[in-house]
Amino acid sequence: MIPKGSGDRVKTDRRDARRLAGLHRAGELTPIAIPTPAQEGVRDLCRTRGDMVQDLTRARNRLSGFLLRHSVVWRGGSPWTERHRRWLATLSFDDPAIATTYAHYLATVKLRDTELESVEADLVPWCTQDPFGDQVPRLAAYRGVTRIGALCLAAEVFDWRRFPKARPFMSFTGLVPGENSTGLTQRRGSITRAGNAHLRGQLCEAAWAYQHSPNVGVAIRERQQGVAPETVARSWAAQVRLSKRFRQLAAHKNVRSVVAAAIARELAGFLWAEMVAEV
């Protein structure tokens, strides 16, 4: 990343060479990670999964909106569970056009589910293979981070050690608050949303797992098999800290997504510390 003035439009080889040499001598060049062809290929497959998740969410929202327009409301708990799907299969409409519309919406949701399952099945072998097979088990030892989620995180970051501290890595995720300060006045607002959107979305998704009390369930225990004891200990310390922090923030915030973003920022720090630690 090379700093550039807004009015600088002169670009020649001689000028660029002198400018790069001066910036390098002053330490003003920011290093970036250049993926290998293998890393870039896995990253593209992970981003395909993200696209499939977005398509599935849109299809579900369309179906829910259609049912709401016709005063058909699900009141049996969380949506898109097996119980909810069985309820959807029992719905029927008297009007032929409405019944056909519902059939198309429901078929689209099922198709998107199948596409997502297919992409995730293609991703599973890469969780244990190069180039990210050594990173996935350590990341997946943390609560809220599944093996596929860990693969997506590793595929977006590549080299964790290029960040000297946790704070630059948090800034890379775009989860730090924006700042508009002047003089002695400091003003901080919503998160910057700068940097890697795929990484930020994965961290926010994992952060929701910390709204519950600390617990090592069957899924986490299975993911922690074969992982170094030091990693397991750091994972438990992160779970205790973030679960407590989630409850504290939720007691003072009306919007829980804001709480999840704050927890995702701290989770990013824990994951960075894990990946730069010696095992």
C-alpha atoms as a PDB file:
ATOM      1  CA  MET A   1       0.000   0.000   0.000  1.00  0.00           C
ATOM      2  CA  ILE A   2       1.601   3.225  -1.195  1.00  0.00           C
ATOM      3  CA  PRO A   3       0.453   6.631   0.149  1.00  0.00           C
ATOM      4  CA  LYS A   4      -0.494   9.060  -2.589  1.00  0.00           C
ATOM      5  CA  GLY A   5      -1.468  12.713  -2.589  1.00  0.00           C
ATOM      6  CA  SER A   6      -4.882  13.659  -3.994  1.00  0.00           C
ATOM      7  CA  GLY A   7      -3.384  16.050  -6.563  1.00  0.00           C
ATOM      8  CA  ASP A   8      -0.436  13.889  -7.635  1.00  0.00           C
ATOM      9  CA  ARG A   9      -1.145  12.789 -11.222  1.00  0.00           C
ATOM     10  CA  VAL A  10       2.430  12.517 -12.514  1.00  0.00           C
ATOM     11  CA  LYS A  11       3.474   8.886 -12.960  1.00  0.00           C
ATOM     12  CA  THR A  12       6.785   7.988 -14.580  1.00  0.00           C
ATOM     13  CA  ASP A  13       9.209   5.163 -13.907  1.00  0.00           C
ATOM     14  CA  ARG A  14      11.965   7.479 -12.667  1.00  0.00           C
ATOM     15  CA  ARG A  15       9.604   9.393 -10.357  1.00  0.00           C
ATOM     16  CA  ASP A  16       8.005   6.211  -9.016  1.00  0.00           C
ATOM     17  CA  ALA A  17      11.390   4.617  -8.307  1.00  0.00           C
ATOM     18  CA  ARG A  18      12.641   7.641  -6.380  1.00  0.00           C
ATOM     19  CA  ARG A  19       9.361   7.924  -4.490  1.00  0.00           C
ATOM     20  CA  LEU A  20       9.319   4.232  -3.534  1.00  0.00           C
ATOM     21  CA  ALA A  21      12.926   4.409  -2.351  1.00  0.00           C
ATOM     22  CA  GLY A  22      12.168   7.433  -0.184  1.00  0.00           C
ATOM     23  CA  LEU A  23       9.028   5.883   1.320  1.00  0.00           C
ATOM     24  CA  HIS A  24      10.845   2.630   2.015  1.00  0.00           C
ATOM     25  CA  ARG A  25      13.669   4.469   3.759  1.00  0.00           C
ATOM     26  CA  ALA A  26      11.123   6.363   5.885  1.00  0.00           C
ATOM     27  CA  GLY A  27       9.170   3.203   6.743  1.00  0.00           C
ATOM     28  CA  GLU A  28       5.967   4.542   5.181  1.00  0.00           C
ATOM     29  CA  LEU A  29       5.173   1.495   3.037  1.00  0.00           C
ATOM     30  CA  THR A  30       2.505  -0.842   4.432  1.00  0.00           C
ATOM     31  CA  PRO A  31       3.159  -4.534   3.702  1.00  0.00           C
ATOM     32  CA  ILE A  32       0.387  -6.648   2.226  1.00  0.00           C
ATOM     33  CA  ALA A  33      -0.050 -10.393   1.792  1.00  0.00           C
ATOM     34  CA  ILE A  34       0.142 -11.757  -1.754  1.00  0.00           C
ATOM     35  CA  PRO A  35      -1.622 -15.128  -2.005  1.00  0.00           C
ATOM     36  CA  THR A  36      -0.150 -18.082  -3.824  1.00  0.00           C
ATOM     37  CA  PRO A  37      -2.256 -19.625  -6.612  1.00  0.00           C
ATOM     38  CA  ALA A  38      -3.333 -22.403  -4.220  1.00  0.00           C
ATOM     39  CA  GLN A  39      -4.320 -19.929  -1.491  1.00  0.00           C
ATOM     40  CA  GLU A  40      -6.204 -17.764  -3.958  1.00  0.00           C
ATOM     41  CA  GLY A  41      -8.091 -20.792  -5.272  1.00  0.00           C
ATOM     42  CA  VAL A  42      -9.299 -21.824  -1.813  1.00  0.00           C
ATOM     43  CA  ARG A  43     -10.208 -18.214  -1.051  1.00  0.00           C
ATOM     44  CA  ASP A  44     -12.363 -18.031  -4.173  1.00  0.00           C
ATOM     45  CA  LEU A  45     -14.156 -21.224  -3.143  1.00  0.00           C
ATOM     46  CA  CYS A  46     -14.761 -19.774   0.340  1.00  0.00           C
ATOM     47  CA  ARG A  47     -16.159 -16.589  -1.187  1.00  0.00           C
ATOM     48  CA  THR A  48     -18.436 -18.718  -3.344  1.00  0.00           C
ATOM     49  CA  ARG A  49     -19.880 -20.126  -0.143  1.00  0.00           C
ATOM     50  CA  GLY A  50     -20.463 -16.556   1.076  1.00  0.00           C
ATOM     51  CA  ASP A  51     -22.362 -15.796  -2.128  1.00  0.00           C
ATOM     52  CA  MET A  52     -24.474 -18.927  -1.647  1.00  0.00           C
ATOM     53  CA  VAL A  53     -25.315 -17.860   1.916  1.00  0.00           C
ATOM     54  CA  GLN A  54     -26.456 -14.450   0.673  1.00  0.00           C
ATOM     55  CA  ASP A  55     -28.591 -16.040  -2.053  1.00  0.00           C
ATOM     56  CA  LEU A  56     -30.195 -18.355   0.497  1.00  0.00           C
ATOM     57  CA  THR A  57     -30.926 -15.447   2.833  1.00  0.00           C
ATOM     58  CA  ARG A  58     -32.591 -13.476   0.029  1.00  0.00           C
ATOM     59  CA  ALA A  59     -34.697 -16.478  -0.977  1.00  0.00           C
ATOM     60  CA  ARG A  60     -35.817 -17.009   2.621  1.00  0.00           C
ATOM     61  CA  ASN A  61     -36.681 -13.337   3.024  1.00  0.00           C
ATOM     62  CA  ARG A  62     -38.771 -13.388  -0.140  1.00  0.00           C
ATOM     63  CA  LEU A  63     -40.691 -16.419   1.075  1.00  0.00           C
ATOM     64  CA  SER A  64     -41.231 -14.900   4.522  1.00  0.00           C
ATOM     65  CA  GLY A  65     -42.401 -11.631   2.974  1.00  0.00           C
ATOM     66  CA  PHE A  66     -44.819 -13.467   0.713  1.00  0.00           C
ATOM     67  CA  LEU A  67     -46.343 -15.346   3.657  1.00  0.00           C
ATOM     68  CA  LEU A  68     -46.580 -12.153   5.686  1.00  0.00           C
ATOM     69  CA  ARG A  69     -48.486 -10.414   2.872  1.00  0.00           C
ATOM     70  CA  HIS A  70     -51.064 -13.189   3.087  1.00  0.00           C
ATOM     71  CA  SER A  71     -51.249 -13.095   6.919  1.00  0.00           C
ATOM     72  CA  VAL A  72     -49.528 -16.452   7.341  1.00  0.00           C
ATOM     73  CA  VAL A  73     -47.239 -16.089  10.366  1.00  0.00           C
ATOM     74  CA  TRP A  74     -45.054 -18.738  11.994  1.00  0.00           C
ATOM     75  CA  ARG A  75     -45.389 -18.647  15.778  1.00  0.00           C
ATOM     76  CA  GLY A  76     -43.721 -21.913  16.731  1.00  0.00           C
ATOM     77  CA  GLY A  77     -40.275 -20.623  17.690  1.00  0.00           C
ATOM     78  CA  SER A  78     -37.163 -19.983  15.644  1.00  0.00           C
ATOM     79  CA  PRO A  79     -37.609 -20.009  11.859  1.00  0.00           C
ATOM     80  CA  TRP A  80     -35.862 -22.340   9.422  1.00  0.00           C
ATOM     81  CA  THR A  81     -35.625 -25.211  11.881  1.00  0.00           C
ATOM     82  CA  GLU A  82     -36.806 -28.720  10.987  1.00  0.00           C
ATOM     83  CA  ARG A  83     -40.100 -27.969  12.708  1.00  0.00           C
ATOM     84  CA  HIS A  84     -40.524 -24.807  10.680  1.00  0.00           C
ATOM     85  CA  ARG A  85     -39.750 -26.638   7.445  1.00  0.00           C
ATOM     86  CA  ARG A  86     -42.397 -29.274   8.205  1.00  0.00           C
ATOM     87  CA  TRP A  87     -44.872 -26.453   8.811  1.00  0.00           C
ATOM     88  CA  LEU A  88     -44.009 -24.895   5.448  1.00  0.00           C
ATOM     89  CA  ALA A  89     -44.689 -28.216   3.733  1.00  0.00           C
ATOM     90  CA  THR A  90     -48.232 -28.293   5.147  1.00  0.00           C
ATOM     91  CA  LEU A  91     -49.275 -24.849   3.857  1.00  0.00           C
ATOM     92  CA  SER A  92     -51.803 -24.613   1.056  1.00  0.00           C
ATOM     93  CA  PHE A  93     -53.684 -21.777  -0.658  1.00  0.00           C
ATOM     94  CA  ASP A  94     -57.096 -21.795  -2.321  1.00  0.00           C
ATOM     95  CA  ASP A  95     -56.192 -19.369  -5.105  1.00  0.00           C
ATOM     96  CA  PRO A  96     -54.303 -21.211  -7.898  1.00  0.00           C
ATOM     97  CA  ALA A  97     -52.012 -18.279  -8.713  1.00  0.00           C
ATOM     98  CA  ILE A  98     -51.052 -17.776  -5.054  1.00  0.00           C
ATOM     99  CA  ALA A  99     -50.455 -21.509  -4.634  1.00  0.00           C
ATOM    100  CA  THR A 100     -48.173 -21.524  -7.692  1.00  0.00           C
ATOM    101  CA  THR A 101     -46.279 -18.490  -6.412  1.00  0.00           C
ATOM    102  CA  TYR A 102     -45.735 -20.164  -3.047  1.00  0.00           C
ATOM    103  CA  ALA A 103     -44.499 -23.332  -4.734  1.00  0.00           C
ATOM    104  CA  HIS A 104     -41.912 -21.338  -6.711  1.00  0.00           C
ATOM    105  CA  TYR A 105     -40.673 -19.471  -3.625  1.00  0.00           C
ATOM    106  CA  LEU A 106     -40.397 -22.691  -1.617  1.00  0.00           C
ATOM    107  CA  ALA A 107     -38.604 -24.488  -4.454  1.00  0.00           C
ATOM    108  CA  THR A 108     -36.095 -21.629  -4.693  1.00  0.00           C
ATOM    109  CA  VAL A 109     -35.308 -21.922  -0.989  1.00  0.00           C
ATOM    110  CA  LYS A 110     -34.770 -25.673  -1.328  1.00  0.00           C
ATOM    111  CA  LEU A 111     -32.539 -25.119  -4.367  1.00  0.00           C
ATOM    112  CA  ARG A 112     -30.414 -22.558  -2.490  1.00  0.00           C
ATOM    113  CA  ASP A 113     -30.112 -24.983   0.438  1.00  0.00           C
ATOM    114  CA  THR A 114     -28.859 -27.682  -1.905  1.00  0.00           C
ATOM    115  CA  GLU A 115     -26.345 -25.332  -3.540  1.00  0.00           C
ATOM    116  CA  LEU A 116     -24.952 -24.279  -0.154  1.00  0.00           C
ATOM    117  CA  GLU A 117     -24.628 -27.882   0.992  1.00  0.00           C
ATOM    118  CA  SER A 118     -22.791 -28.717  -2.238  1.00  0.00           C
ATOM    119  CA  VAL A 119     -20.279 -25.882  -1.810  1.00  0.00           C
ATOM    120  CA  GLU A 120     -19.658 -26.797   1.834  1.00  0.00           C
ATOM    121  CA  ALA A 121     -19.075 -30.416   0.836  1.00  0.00           C
ATOM    122  CA  ASP A 122     -16.411 -29.196  -1.605  1.00  0.00           C
ATOM    123  CA  LEU A 123     -14.795 -27.116   1.156  1.00  0.00           C
ATOM    124  CA  VAL A 124     -14.562 -29.906   3.746  1.00  0.00           C
ATOM    125  CA  PRO A 125     -11.452 -31.638   2.274  1.00  0.00           C
ATOM    126  CA  TRP A 126      -9.530 -28.345   2.281  1.00  0.00           C
ATOM    127  CA  CYS A 127      -9.905 -28.104   6.073  1.00  0.00           C
ATOM    128  CA  THR A 128      -7.204 -30.763   6.454  1.00  0.00           C
ATOM    129  CA  GLN A 129      -5.089 -30.066   3.360  1.00  0.00           C
ATOM    130  CA  ASP A 130      -2.519 -27.478   2.421  1.00  0.00           C
ATOM    131  CA  PRO A 131      -2.346 -24.527   2.294  1.00  0.00           C
ATOM    132  CA  PHE A 132      -4.545 -23.989   5.397  1.00  0.00           C
ATOM    133  CA  GLY A 133      -4.672 -27.417   7.013  1.00  0.00           C
ATOM    134  CA  ASP A 134      -2.418 -26.320   9.891  1.00  0.00           C
ATOM    135  CA  GLN A 135      -4.421 -23.165  10.695  1.00  0.00           C
ATOM    136  CA  VAL A 136      -7.962 -24.575  10.630  1.00  0.00           C
ATOM    137  CA  PRO A 137      -7.741 -26.811  13.763  1.00  0.00           C
ATOM    138  CA  ARG A 138      -6.395 -23.965  15.895  1.00  0.00           C
ATOM    139  CA  LEU A 139      -9.035 -21.492  14.750  1.00  0.00           C
ATOM    140  CA  ALA A 140     -11.861 -24.040  15.004  1.00  0.00           C
ATOM    141  CA  ALA A 141     -10.987 -24.660  18.667  1.00  0.00           C
ATOM    142  CA  TYR A 142     -12.689 -21.344  19.493  1.00  0.00           C
ATOM    143  CA  ARG A 143     -16.395 -21.158  20.174  1.00  0.00           C
ATOM    144  CA  GLY A 144     -18.497 -20.010  17.242  1.00  0.00           C
ATOM    145  CA  VAL A 145     -15.801 -20.846  14.680  1.00  0.00           C
ATOM    146  CA  THR A 146     -16.680 -23.993  12.753  1.00  0.00           C
ATOM    147  CA  ARG A 147     -14.133 -25.796  10.604  1.00  0.00           C
ATOM    148  CA  ILE A 148     -15.494 -24.236   7.428  1.00  0.00           C
ATOM    149  CA  GLY A 149     -15.619 -20.858   9.175  1.00  0.00           C
ATOM    150  CA  ALA A 150     -11.996 -21.312  10.236  1.00  0.00           C
ATOM    151  CA  LEU A 151     -11.052 -22.145   6.656  1.00  0.00           C
ATOM    152  CA  CYS A 152     -12.758 -18.960   5.444  1.00  0.00           C
ATOM    153  CA  LEU A 153     -10.900 -16.889   8.046  1.00  0.00           C
ATOM    154  CA  ALA A 154      -7.537 -18.414   7.172  1.00  0.00           C
ATOM    155  CA  ALA A 155      -8.184 -17.983   3.441  1.00  0.00           C
ATOM    156  CA  GLU A 156      -8.863 -14.256   3.882  1.00  0.00           C
ATOM    157  CA  VAL A 157      -5.888 -13.464   6.150  1.00  0.00           C
ATOM    158  CA  PHE A 158      -3.151 -15.730   4.691  1.00  0.00           C
ATOM    159  CA  ASP A 159      -0.291 -14.436   6.851  1.00  0.00           C
ATOM    160  CA  TRP A 160      -1.302 -13.502  10.408  1.00  0.00           C
ATOM    161  CA  ARG A 161       2.185 -12.356  11.362  1.00  0.00           C
ATOM    162  CA  ARG A 162       2.148  -9.414   8.976  1.00  0.00           C
ATOM    163  CA  PHE A 163       0.117  -7.605  11.639  1.00  0.00           C
ATOM    164  CA  PRO A 164       2.523  -6.514  14.404  1.00  0.00           C
ATOM    165  CA  LYS A 165      -0.258  -6.165  17.004  1.00  0.00           C
ATOM    166  CA  ALA A 166      -3.908  -7.063  17.483  1.00  0.00           C
ATOM    167  CA  ARG A 167      -5.134  -3.502  16.899  1.00  0.00           C
ATOM    168  CA  PRO A 168      -3.945  -3.298  13.245  1.00  0.00           C
ATOM    169  CA  PHE A 169      -5.634  -6.640  12.607  1.00  0.00           C
ATOM    170  CA  MET A 170      -8.886  -5.325  14.119  1.00  0.00           C
ATOM    171  CA  SER A 171      -8.621  -2.310  11.813  1.00  0.00           C
ATOM    172  CA  PHE A 172      -8.114  -4.681   8.881  1.00  0.00           C
ATOM    173  CA  THR A 173     -11.466  -6.292   9.687  1.00  0.00           C
ATOM    174  CA  GLY A 174     -13.261  -2.918   9.749  1.00  0.00           C
ATOM    175  CA  LEU A 175     -14.698  -3.587  13.214  1.00  0.00           C
ATOM    176  CA  VAL A 176     -13.064  -0.634  14.968  1.00  0.00           C
ATOM    177  CA  PRO A 177     -15.156   2.506  15.616  1.00  0.00           C
ATOM    178  CA  GLY A 178     -14.789   5.393  13.209  1.00  0.00           C
ATOM    179  CA  GLU A 179     -13.342   8.590  14.636  1.00  0.00           C
ATOM    180  CA  ASN A 180     -13.961  12.249  13.835  1.00  0.00           C
ATOM    181  CA  SER A 181     -11.804  14.092  16.351  1.00  0.00           C
ATOM    182  CA  THR A 182     -10.505  17.630  16.380  1.00  0.00           C
ATOM    183  CA  GLY A 183      -8.344  19.403  18.916  1.00  0.00           C
ATOM    184  CA  LEU A 184      -9.096  18.083  22.381  1.00  0.00           C
ATOM    185  CA  THR A 185     -12.478  16.672  21.348  1.00  0.00           C
ATOM    186  CA  GLN A 186     -12.786  12.988  20.506  1.00  0.00           C
ATOM    187  CA  ARG A 187     -15.816  11.697  18.646  1.00  0.00           C
ATOM    188  CA  ARG A 188     -16.226   8.017  17.858  1.00  0.00           C
ATOM    189  CA  GLY A 189     -19.104   6.625  15.869  1.00  0.00           C
ATOM    190  CA  SER A 190     -20.102   3.385  14.181  1.00  0.00           C
ATOM    191  CA  ILE A 191     -17.589   0.861  12.895  1.00  0.00           C
ATOM    192  CA  THR A 192     -15.568   1.856   9.849  1.00  0.00           C
ATOM    193  CA  ARG A 193     -16.602  -1.162   7.733  1.00  0.00           C
ATOM    194  CA  ALA A 194     -13.279  -0.743   5.967  1.00  0.00           C
ATOM    195  CA  GLY A 195     -11.043  -3.597   4.979  1.00  0.00           C
ATOM    196  CA  ASN A 196     -12.142  -7.161   4.337  1.00  0.00           C
ATOM    197  CA  ALA A 197     -15.938  -7.560   4.332  1.00  0.00           C
ATOM    198  CA  HIS A 198     -15.766 -11.372   4.069  1.00  0.00           C
ATOM    199  CA  LEU A 199     -13.598 -11.576   7.172  1.00  0.00           C
ATOM    200  CA  ARG A 200     -15.814  -9.139   9.063  1.00  0.00           C
ATOM    201  CA  GLY A 201     -18.966 -11.088   8.249  1.00  0.00           C
ATOM    202  CA  GLN A 202     -17.431 -14.364   9.405  1.00  0.00           C
ATOM    203  CA  LEU A 203     -16.320 -12.840  12.714  1.00  0.00           C
ATOM    204  CA  CYS A 204     -19.733 -11.272  13.362  1.00  0.00           C
ATOM    205  CA  GLU A 205     -21.407 -14.605  12.673  1.00  0.00           C
ATOM    206  CA  ALA A 206     -19.113 -16.336  15.167  1.00  0.00           C
ATOM    207  CA  ALA A 207     -19.642 -13.620  17.804  1.00  0.00           C
ATOM    208  CA  TRP A 208     -23.302 -14.554  18.323  1.00  0.00           C
ATOM    209  CA  ALA A 209     -22.220 -17.839  19.935  1.00  0.00           C
ATOM    210  CA  TYR A 210     -20.942 -15.900  22.958  1.00  0.00           C
ATOM    211  CA  GLN A 211     -24.384 -14.687  24.012  1.00  0.00           C
ATOM    212  CA  HIS A 212     -24.670 -17.926  25.994  1.00  0.00           C
ATOM    213  CA  SER A 213     -22.820 -18.919  29.170  1.00  0.00           C
ATOM    214  CA  PRO A 214     -19.354 -20.503  28.816  1.00  0.00           C
ATOM    215  CA  ASN A 215     -19.674 -24.151  27.950  1.00  0.00           C
ATOM    216  CA  VAL A 216     -17.711 -26.796  26.056  1.00  0.00           C
ATOM    217  CA  GLY A 217     -20.336 -28.698  24.125  1.00  0.00           C
ATOM    218  CA  VAL A 218     -20.066 -31.792  21.980  1.00  0.00           C
ATOM    219  CA  ALA A 219     -19.266 -29.865  18.792  1.00  0.00           C
ATOM    220  CA  ILE A 220     -16.488 -27.792  20.381  1.00  0.00           C
ATOM    221  CA  ARG A 221     -15.018 -30.828  22.123  1.00  0.00           C
ATOM    222  CA  GLU A 222     -14.921 -32.677  18.817  1.00  0.00           C
ATOM    223  CA  ARG A 223     -13.172 -29.777  17.069  1.00  0.00           C
ATOM    224  CA  GLN A 224     -10.614 -29.566  19.879  1.00  0.00           C
ATOM    225  CA  GLN A 225      -9.505 -33.171  19.513  1.00  0.00           C
ATOM    226  CA  GLY A 226      -5.823 -33.329  18.576  1.00  0.00           C
ATOM    227  CA  VAL A 227      -5.307 -29.619  19.260  1.00  0.00           C
ATOM    228  CA  ALA A 228      -2.477 -28.470  21.528  1.00  0.00           C
ATOM    229  CA  PRO A 229      -3.455 -27.968  25.211  1.00  0.00           C
ATOM    230  CA  GLU A 230      -2.228 -24.370  25.041  1.00  0.00           C
ATOM    231  CA  THR A 231      -4.728 -23.623  22.274  1.00  0.00           C
ATOM    232  CA  VAL A 232      -7.557 -25.236  24.235  1.00  0.00           C
ATOM    233  CA  ALA A 233      -6.648 -23.153  27.303  1.00  0.00           C
ATOM    234  CA  ARG A 234      -6.590 -19.932  25.286  1.00  0.00           C
ATOM    235  CA  SER A 235      -9.921 -20.863  23.713  1.00  0.00           C
ATOM    236  CA  TRP A 236     -11.510 -21.306  27.146  1.00  0.00           C
ATOM    237  CA  ALA A 237     -10.085 -18.009  28.390  1.00  0.00           C
ATOM    238  CA  ALA A 238     -11.539 -16.263  25.330  1.00  0.00           C
ATOM    239  CA  GLN A 239     -14.913 -17.909  25.877  1.00  0.00           C
ATOM    240  CA  VAL A 240     -15.093 -16.821  29.523  1.00  0.00           C
ATOM    241  CA  ARG A 241     -14.057 -13.266  28.664  1.00  0.00           C
ATOM    242  CA  LEU A 242     -16.325 -12.808  25.634  1.00  0.00           C
ATOM    243  CA  SER A 243     -19.417 -14.435  27.172  1.00  0.00           C
ATOM    244  CA  LYS A 244     -19.144 -12.133  30.180  1.00  0.00           C
ATOM    245  CA  ARG A 245     -18.532  -9.159  27.935  1.00  0.00           C
ATOM    246  CA  PHE A 246     -21.563 -10.002  25.777  1.00  0.00           C
ATOM    247  CA  ARG A 247     -23.863 -10.057  28.820  1.00  0.00           C
ATOM    248  CA  GLN A 248     -22.460  -6.788  30.153  1.00  0.00           C
ATOM    249  CA  LEU A 249     -22.909  -4.951  26.849  1.00  0.00           C
ATOM    250  CA  ALA A 250     -26.340  -6.464  26.168  1.00  0.00           C
ATOM    251  CA  ALA A 251     -27.572  -5.051  29.489  1.00  0.00           C
ATOM    252  CA  HIS A 252     -26.842  -1.501  28.277  1.00  0.00           C
ATOM    253  CA  LYS A 253     -27.481  -1.759  24.517  1.00  0.00           C
ATOM    254  CA  ASN A 254     -30.862  -2.067  22.877  1.00  0.00           C
ATOM    255  CA  VAL A 255     -29.464  -3.210  19.526  1.00  0.00           C
ATOM    256  CA  ARG A 256     -27.863  -6.618  19.940  1.00  0.00           C
ATOM    257  CA  SER A 257     -26.128  -6.434  16.559  1.00  0.00           C
ATOM    258  CA  VAL A 258     -24.000  -3.609  17.999  1.00  0.00           C
ATOM    259  CA  VAL A 259     -23.028  -5.922  20.853  1.00  0.00           C
ATOM    260  CA  ALA A 260     -22.174  -8.688  18.385  1.00  0.00           C
ATOM    261  CA  ALA A 261     -19.901  -6.306  16.446  1.00  0.00           C
ATOM    262  CA  ALA A 262     -18.059  -5.367  19.643  1.00  0.00           C
ATOM    263  CA  ILE A 263     -17.604  -9.032  20.556  1.00  0.00           C
ATOM    264  CA  ALA A 264     -16.439  -9.792  17.003  1.00  0.00           C
ATOM    265  CA  ARG A 265     -13.749  -7.119  17.366  1.00  0.00           C
ATOM    266  CA  GLU A 266     -12.421  -8.703  20.573  1.00  0.00           C
ATOM    267  CA  LEU A 267     -12.684 -12.182  19.047  1.00  0.00           C
ATOM    268  CA  ALA A 268     -10.482 -10.958  16.194  1.00  0.00           C
ATOM    269  CA  GLY A 269      -7.849 -10.018  18.769  1.00  0.00           C
ATOM    270  CA  PHE A 270      -8.005 -13.462  20.393  1.00  0.00           C
ATOM    271  CA  LEU A 271      -7.703 -15.228  17.039  1.00  0.00           C
ATOM    272  CA  TRP A 272      -4.747 -13.061  16.013  1.00  0.00           C
ATOM    273  CA  ALA A 273      -2.990 -13.839  19.300  1.00  0.00           C
ATOM    274  CA  GLU A 274      -3.654 -17.548  18.759  1.00  0.00           C
ATOM    275  CA  MET A 275      -2.213 -17.625  15.271  1.00  0.00           C
ATOM    276  CA  VAL A 276       0.967 -15.717  16.145  1.00  0.00           C
ATOM    277  CA  ALA A 277       1.606 -17.746  19.330  1.00  0.00           C
ATOM    278  CA  GLU A 278       4.203 -20.495  19.296  1.00  0.00           C
ATOM    279  CA  VAL A 279       2.767 -24.014  19.636  1.00  0.00           C
END
